[in-house]
Amino acid sequence: MMTLGLCPLELRNIIECAFLPLQCTCTCAPDQSLTVQINDPVTGRVDLLEAGISMDRLSSSHDILKLVDELRERLERNRHTFPHAKTG
C-alpha cells in the first residue's frame, strides 16, 4: 500500500523523526498496520506503545500530522500518569 505516494519506509521515517530526540521505532505489519514505540533515550523506558494503527487512515499529510499529534498527547498523558515508571 502506498500512502500519499509514500512507501512504508518513508512513512516510518516521517513518524520516527517527528519524535526526535526521543527514540521512536515505527514498524509496518503485513496487515498494513503500524506499531509505534517511543522510548526515553536515556533510560530506555517504553513511554508509549501503540499497535494496530491502520495505514488506511493516513491518506493525506493532514492525516499523518493528526496521528503524530494524537501520539504526542498519549505520550504526555502517560508521562503524567506514570512519572516514576521504572525501566524493565
N, C-alpha and C. Protein backbone atom coordinates (compact mmCIF):
# COMPACT_ATOMS: atom_id res chain seq x y z
N MET A 1 0.83 -1.19 0.00
CA MET A 1 0.00 0.00 0.00
C MET A 1 0.87 1.24 0.00
N MET A 2 0.44 2.23 -0.74
CA MET A 2 1.16 3.50 -0.79
C MET A 2 0.27 4.58 -0.19
N THR A 3 0.76 5.27 0.79
CA THR A 3 0.05 6.35 1.43
C THR A 3 0.62 7.65 0.90
N LEU A 4 -0.20 8.44 0.22
CA LEU A 4 0.25 9.70 -0.38
C LEU A 4 1.41 9.48 -1.34
N GLY A 5 1.51 8.31 -1.91
CA GLY A 5 2.65 8.01 -2.76
C GLY A 5 3.91 7.69 -1.96
N LEU A 6 3.76 7.51 -0.65
CA LEU A 6 4.89 7.18 0.21
C LEU A 6 4.97 5.68 0.40
N CYS A 7 6.17 5.16 0.36
CA CYS A 7 6.35 3.75 0.68
C CYS A 7 6.38 3.65 2.21
N PRO A 8 6.18 2.46 2.76
CA PRO A 8 6.18 2.30 4.22
C PRO A 8 7.47 2.82 4.88
N LEU A 9 8.60 2.67 4.21
CA LEU A 9 9.87 3.15 4.78
C LEU A 9 9.85 4.67 4.93
N GLU A 10 9.31 5.37 3.95
CA GLU A 10 9.23 6.83 4.03
C GLU A 10 8.26 7.26 5.12
N LEU A 11 7.14 6.58 5.22
CA LEU A 11 6.16 6.88 6.26
C LEU A 11 6.76 6.66 7.65
N ARG A 12 7.46 5.55 7.80
CA ARG A 12 8.13 5.26 9.08
C ARG A 12 9.09 6.38 9.43
N ASN A 13 9.88 6.83 8.46
CA ASN A 13 10.87 7.88 8.70
C ASN A 13 10.20 9.18 9.15
N ILE A 14 9.10 9.55 8.52
CA ILE A 14 8.37 10.77 8.90
C ILE A 14 7.92 10.69 10.35
N ILE A 15 7.32 9.57 10.72
CA ILE A 15 6.80 9.41 12.08
C ILE A 15 7.94 9.36 13.09
N GLU A 16 8.98 8.60 12.80
CA GLU A 16 10.11 8.49 13.74
C GLU A 16 10.80 9.84 13.94
N CYS A 17 10.99 10.60 12.88
CA CYS A 17 11.65 11.90 13.00
C CYS A 17 10.80 12.92 13.77
N ALA A 18 9.48 12.74 13.74
CA ALA A 18 8.59 13.66 14.44
C ALA A 18 8.78 13.61 15.95
N PHE A 19 9.39 12.55 16.46
CA PHE A 19 9.54 12.40 17.90
C PHE A 19 10.98 12.60 18.39
N LEU A 20 11.88 12.99 17.50
CA LEU A 20 13.24 13.26 17.94
C LEU A 20 13.24 14.36 18.99
N PRO A 21 14.03 14.32 20.02
CA PRO A 21 15.17 13.45 20.27
C PRO A 21 14.83 12.14 20.97
N LEU A 22 13.54 11.86 21.15
CA LEU A 22 13.16 10.57 21.73
C LEU A 22 13.47 9.46 20.73
N GLN A 23 13.57 8.25 21.23
CA GLN A 23 13.81 7.09 20.37
C GLN A 23 12.45 6.54 19.96
N CYS A 24 12.13 6.68 18.69
CA CYS A 24 10.85 6.21 18.17
C CYS A 24 11.12 5.14 17.13
N THR A 25 10.41 4.02 17.27
CA THR A 25 10.51 2.92 16.31
C THR A 25 9.12 2.66 15.77
N CYS A 26 9.00 2.74 14.46
CA CYS A 26 7.73 2.52 13.80
C CYS A 26 7.90 1.30 12.90
N THR A 27 7.05 0.32 13.06
CA THR A 27 7.13 -0.88 12.24
C THR A 27 5.82 -1.09 11.49
N CYS A 28 5.94 -1.65 10.29
CA CYS A 28 4.77 -1.93 9.45
C CYS A 28 4.54 -3.43 9.42
N ALA A 29 3.34 -3.84 9.77
CA ALA A 29 2.97 -5.26 9.78
C ALA A 29 2.44 -5.66 8.41
N PRO A 30 2.43 -6.96 8.13
CA PRO A 30 1.91 -7.45 6.85
C PRO A 30 0.44 -7.07 6.61
N ASP A 31 -0.31 -6.83 7.69
CA ASP A 31 -1.73 -6.45 7.53
C ASP A 31 -1.91 -4.95 7.30
N GLN A 32 -0.81 -4.26 6.97
CA GLN A 32 -0.82 -2.82 6.70
C GLN A 32 -1.21 -1.99 7.92
N SER A 33 -0.78 -2.46 9.09
CA SER A 33 -0.95 -1.67 10.30
C SER A 33 0.42 -1.27 10.81
N LEU A 34 0.43 -0.20 11.59
CA LEU A 34 1.67 0.32 12.16
C LEU A 34 1.71 0.06 13.66
N THR A 35 2.90 -0.14 14.16
CA THR A 35 3.15 -0.15 15.60
C THR A 35 4.19 0.93 15.86
N VAL A 36 3.90 1.80 16.81
CA VAL A 36 4.81 2.88 17.17
C VAL A 36 5.21 2.69 18.63
N GLN A 37 6.52 2.64 18.86
CA GLN A 37 7.06 2.53 20.22
C GLN A 37 8.00 3.70 20.44
N ILE A 38 7.77 4.41 21.54
CA ILE A 38 8.61 5.55 21.88
C ILE A 38 9.27 5.27 23.22
N ASN A 39 10.59 5.37 23.21
CA ASN A 39 11.39 5.10 24.40
C ASN A 39 12.13 6.35 24.83
N ASP A 40 12.34 6.46 26.14
CA ASP A 40 13.21 7.50 26.66
C ASP A 40 14.63 7.16 26.22
N PRO A 41 15.34 8.07 25.55
CA PRO A 41 16.67 7.74 25.03
C PRO A 41 17.72 7.50 26.12
N VAL A 42 17.50 8.02 27.30
CA VAL A 42 18.48 7.87 28.38
C VAL A 42 18.24 6.58 29.16
N THR A 43 16.99 6.35 29.57
CA THR A 43 16.70 5.20 30.42
C THR A 43 16.29 3.97 29.63
N GLY A 44 15.82 4.17 28.38
CA GLY A 44 15.33 3.05 27.59
C GLY A 44 13.90 2.67 27.93
N ARG A 45 13.31 3.36 28.90
CA ARG A 45 11.93 3.07 29.33
C ARG A 45 10.97 3.28 28.16
N VAL A 46 10.04 2.35 28.00
CA VAL A 46 9.00 2.49 26.98
C VAL A 46 7.97 3.49 27.51
N ASP A 47 7.88 4.63 26.85
CA ASP A 47 6.93 5.66 27.26
C ASP A 47 5.60 5.54 26.54
N LEU A 48 5.59 4.91 25.36
CA LEU A 48 4.36 4.74 24.61
C LEU A 48 4.51 3.56 23.66
N LEU A 49 3.48 2.74 23.59
CA LEU A 49 3.43 1.63 22.64
C LEU A 49 2.02 1.58 22.08
N GLU A 50 1.90 1.88 20.81
CA GLU A 50 0.60 1.87 20.13
C GLU A 50 0.70 0.90 18.96
N ALA A 51 -0.17 -0.09 18.95
CA ALA A 51 -0.17 -1.09 17.88
C ALA A 51 -1.51 -1.06 17.15
N GLY A 52 -1.50 -1.60 15.94
CA GLY A 52 -2.74 -1.73 15.18
C GLY A 52 -3.23 -0.43 14.55
N ILE A 53 -2.34 0.50 14.29
CA ILE A 53 -2.72 1.75 13.64
C ILE A 53 -2.87 1.47 12.15
N SER A 54 -4.06 1.65 11.64
CA SER A 54 -4.32 1.34 10.24
C SER A 54 -3.66 2.36 9.31
N MET A 55 -2.90 1.86 8.35
CA MET A 55 -2.29 2.75 7.37
C MET A 55 -3.35 3.34 6.45
N ASP A 56 -4.52 2.72 6.37
CA ASP A 56 -5.60 3.23 5.54
C ASP A 56 -6.08 4.61 6.00
N ARG A 57 -5.89 4.91 7.27
CA ARG A 57 -6.35 6.21 7.79
C ARG A 57 -5.38 7.34 7.44
N LEU A 58 -4.24 7.01 6.82
CA LEU A 58 -3.22 8.01 6.51
C LEU A 58 -3.23 8.33 5.02
N SER A 59 -4.27 9.02 4.58
CA SER A 59 -4.41 9.29 3.16
C SER A 59 -4.01 10.71 2.76
N SER A 60 -3.56 11.51 3.74
CA SER A 60 -3.10 12.87 3.43
C SER A 60 -2.04 13.28 4.45
N SER A 61 -1.34 14.36 4.14
CA SER A 61 -0.34 14.86 5.09
C SER A 61 -1.03 15.31 6.37
N HIS A 62 -2.26 15.81 6.25
CA HIS A 62 -3.03 16.21 7.43
C HIS A 62 -3.29 14.99 8.33
N ASP A 63 -3.59 13.84 7.73
CA ASP A 63 -3.85 12.62 8.49
C ASP A 63 -2.60 12.18 9.26
N ILE A 64 -1.43 12.30 8.62
CA ILE A 64 -0.18 11.93 9.29
C ILE A 64 0.08 12.87 10.46
N LEU A 65 -0.13 14.17 10.24
CA LEU A 65 0.05 15.15 11.31
C LEU A 65 -0.92 14.88 12.46
N LYS A 66 -2.15 14.53 12.13
CA LYS A 66 -3.15 14.22 13.16
C LYS A 66 -2.71 13.01 13.98
N LEU A 67 -2.19 11.97 13.32
CA LEU A 67 -1.70 10.80 14.04
C LEU A 67 -0.55 11.17 14.98
N VAL A 68 0.41 11.94 14.48
CA VAL A 68 1.54 12.35 15.31
C VAL A 68 1.04 13.15 16.52
N ASP A 69 0.10 14.06 16.30
CA ASP A 69 -0.45 14.83 17.42
C ASP A 69 -1.14 13.93 18.44
N GLU A 70 -1.92 12.95 17.97
CA GLU A 70 -2.59 12.02 18.88
C GLU A 70 -1.57 11.23 19.70
N LEU A 71 -0.51 10.78 19.04
CA LEU A 71 0.53 10.02 19.74
C LEU A 71 1.25 10.89 20.76
N ARG A 72 1.50 12.15 20.41
CA ARG A 72 2.15 13.07 21.36
C ARG A 72 1.27 13.30 22.59
N GLU A 73 -0.05 13.43 22.37
CA GLU A 73 -0.96 13.61 23.50
C GLU A 73 -0.95 12.38 24.41
N ARG A 74 -0.98 11.18 23.83
CA ARG A 74 -0.94 9.96 24.63
C ARG A 74 0.38 9.83 25.38
N LEU A 75 1.46 10.22 24.72
CA LEU A 75 2.78 10.19 25.34
C LEU A 75 2.81 11.10 26.56
N GLU A 76 2.29 12.32 26.43
CA GLU A 76 2.25 13.25 27.55
C GLU A 76 1.37 12.72 28.68
N ARG A 77 0.23 12.16 28.31
CA ARG A 77 -0.67 11.58 29.32
C ARG A 77 0.04 10.47 30.09
N ASN A 78 0.75 9.60 29.37
CA ASN A 78 1.47 8.50 30.02
C ASN A 78 2.54 9.04 30.95
N ARG A 79 3.23 10.07 30.55
CA ARG A 79 4.29 10.63 31.38
C ARG A 79 3.74 11.24 32.66
N HIS A 80 2.53 11.80 32.59
CA HIS A 80 1.92 12.37 33.79
C HIS A 80 1.29 11.29 34.65
N THR A 81 0.80 10.24 34.04
CA THR A 81 0.16 9.15 34.78
C THR A 81 1.19 8.27 35.48
N PHE A 82 2.31 8.03 34.78
CA PHE A 82 3.36 7.14 35.31
C PHE A 82 4.70 7.87 35.34
N PRO A 83 4.82 8.97 36.10
CA PRO A 83 6.06 9.77 36.06
C PRO A 83 7.30 9.06 36.58
N HIS A 84 7.13 8.08 37.43
CA HIS A 84 8.30 7.42 38.02
C HIS A 84 8.38 5.95 37.62
N ALA A 85 7.86 5.64 36.45
CA ALA A 85 7.90 4.24 35.99
C ALA A 85 9.34 3.82 35.85
N LYS A 86 9.60 2.59 36.27
CA LYS A 86 10.97 2.08 36.23
C LYS A 86 11.23 1.33 34.93
N THR A 87 12.49 1.35 34.53
CA THR A 87 12.90 0.63 33.33
C THR A 87 12.79 -0.86 33.58
N GLY A 88 12.23 -1.60 32.60
CA GLY A 88 12.07 -3.04 32.74
C GLY A 88 13.30 -3.72 32.49
